[in-house]
Amino acid sequence: MRRERIAERMKALQELVPNANK
């Protein structure tokens, strides 16, 4: 499986919802 794609989605989610990091 490609984990790089998941990391790219996680980065976009963190940028869209920086509050979710907490």
PDB file of N, CA and C in Angstrom:
ATOM      1  N   MET A   1       0.863  -1.228   0.000  1.00  0.00           N
ATOM      2  CA  MET A   1       0.000   0.000   0.000  1.00  0.00           C
ATOM      3  C   MET A   1       0.886   1.262   0.000  1.00  0.00           C
ATOM      4  N   ARG A   2       0.331   2.308  -0.449  1.00  0.00           N
ATOM      5  CA  ARG A   2       1.182   3.566  -0.481  1.00  0.00           C
ATOM      6  C   ARG A   2       0.885   4.395   0.751  1.00  0.00           C
ATOM      7  N   ARG A   3       1.803   4.468   1.627  1.00  0.00           N
ATOM      8  CA  ARG A   3       1.553   5.277   2.878  1.00  0.00           C
ATOM      9  C   ARG A   3       1.839   6.740   2.545  1.00  0.00           C
ATOM     10  N   GLU A   4       2.546   6.973   1.456  1.00  0.00           N
ATOM     11  CA  GLU A   4       2.878   8.400   1.138  1.00  0.00           C
ATOM     12  C   GLU A   4       1.573   9.147   0.832  1.00  0.00           C
ATOM     13  N   ARG A   5       0.635   8.434   0.209  1.00  0.00           N
ATOM     14  CA  ARG A   5      -0.649   9.137  -0.142  1.00  0.00           C
ATOM     15  C   ARG A   5      -1.388   9.472   1.131  1.00  0.00           C
ATOM     16  N   ILE A   6      -1.371   8.571   2.078  1.00  0.00           N
ATOM     17  CA  ILE A   6      -2.083   8.843   3.369  1.00  0.00           C
ATOM     18  C   ILE A   6      -1.431  10.047   4.071  1.00  0.00           C
ATOM     19  N   ALA A   7      -0.129  10.102   4.000  1.00  0.00           N
ATOM     20  CA  ALA A   7       0.587  11.228   4.680  1.00  0.00           C
ATOM     21  C   ALA A   7       0.180  12.537   4.003  1.00  0.00           C
ATOM     22  N   GLU A   8       0.002  12.487   2.713  1.00  0.00           N
ATOM     23  CA  GLU A   8      -0.365  13.759   2.017  1.00  0.00           C
ATOM     24  C   GLU A   8      -1.771  14.171   2.461  1.00  0.00           C
ATOM     25  N   ARG A   9      -2.652  13.199   2.658  1.00  0.00           N
ATOM     26  CA  ARG A   9      -4.051  13.544   3.090  1.00  0.00           C
ATOM     27  C   ARG A   9      -4.009  14.030   4.517  1.00  0.00           C
ATOM     28  N   MET A  10      -3.191  13.412   5.328  1.00  0.00           N
ATOM     29  CA  MET A  10      -3.106  13.841   6.766  1.00  0.00           C
ATOM     30  C   MET A  10      -2.576  15.277   6.818  1.00  0.00           C
ATOM     31  N   LYS A  11      -1.625  15.587   5.947  1.00  0.00           N
ATOM     32  CA  LYS A  11      -1.046  16.977   5.971  1.00  0.00           C
ATOM     33  C   LYS A  11      -2.140  17.959   5.551  1.00  0.00           C
ATOM     34  N   ALA A  12      -2.910  17.590   4.553  1.00  0.00           N
ATOM     35  CA  ALA A  12      -3.975  18.507   4.079  1.00  0.00           C
ATOM     36  C   ALA A  12      -5.033  18.653   5.181  1.00  0.00           C
ATOM     37  N   LEU A  13      -5.312  17.565   5.860  1.00  0.00           N
ATOM     38  CA  LEU A  13      -6.335  17.640   6.946  1.00  0.00           C
ATOM     39  C   LEU A  13      -5.811  18.532   8.063  1.00  0.00           C
ATOM     40  N   GLN A  14      -4.533  18.405   8.380  1.00  0.00           N
ATOM     41  CA  GLN A  14      -3.959  19.235   9.481  1.00  0.00           C
ATOM     42  C   GLN A  14      -4.007  20.702   9.066  1.00  0.00           C
ATOM     43  N   GLU A  15      -3.801  20.971   7.796  1.00  0.00           N
ATOM     44  CA  GLU A  15      -3.805  22.389   7.344  1.00  0.00           C
ATOM     45  C   GLU A  15      -5.246  22.901   7.364  1.00  0.00           C
ATOM     46  N   LEU A  16      -6.191  22.021   7.005  1.00  0.00           N
ATOM     47  CA  LEU A  16      -7.613  22.447   6.990  1.00  0.00           C
ATOM     48  C   LEU A  16      -8.143  22.524   8.423  1.00  0.00           C
ATOM     49  N   VAL A  17      -7.711  21.562   9.241  1.00  0.00           N
ATOM     50  CA  VAL A  17      -8.181  21.565  10.658  1.00  0.00           C
ATOM     51  C   VAL A  17      -7.002  21.466  11.613  1.00  0.00           C
ATOM     52  N   PRO A  18      -6.264  22.530  11.790  1.00  0.00           N
ATOM     53  CA  PRO A  18      -5.085  22.499  12.689  1.00  0.00           C
ATOM     54  C   PRO A  18      -5.520  22.197  14.117  1.00  0.00           C
ATOM     55  N   ASN A  19      -6.792  22.407  14.394  1.00  0.00           N
ATOM     56  CA  ASN A  19      -7.292  22.133  15.764  1.00  0.00           C
ATOM     57  C   ASN A  19      -7.385  20.628  15.993  1.00  0.00           C
ATOM     58  N   ALA A  20      -7.533  19.854  14.934  1.00  0.00           N
ATOM     59  CA  ALA A  20      -7.670  18.380  15.094  1.00  0.00           C
ATOM     60  C   ALA A  20      -6.366  17.791  15.614  1.00  0.00           C
ATOM     61  N   ASN A  21      -5.296  18.547  15.504  1.00  0.00           N
ATOM     62  CA  ASN A  21      -3.996  17.998  15.979  1.00  0.00           C
ATOM     63  C   ASN A  21      -4.051  17.786  17.486  1.00  0.00           C
ATOM     64  N   LYS A  22      -4.894  18.531  18.173  1.00  0.00           N
ATOM     65  CA  LYS A  22      -4.915  18.402  19.671  1.00  0.00           C
ATOM     66  C   LYS A  22      -5.572  17.117  20.093  1.00  0.00           C
TER      67      LYS A  22
END
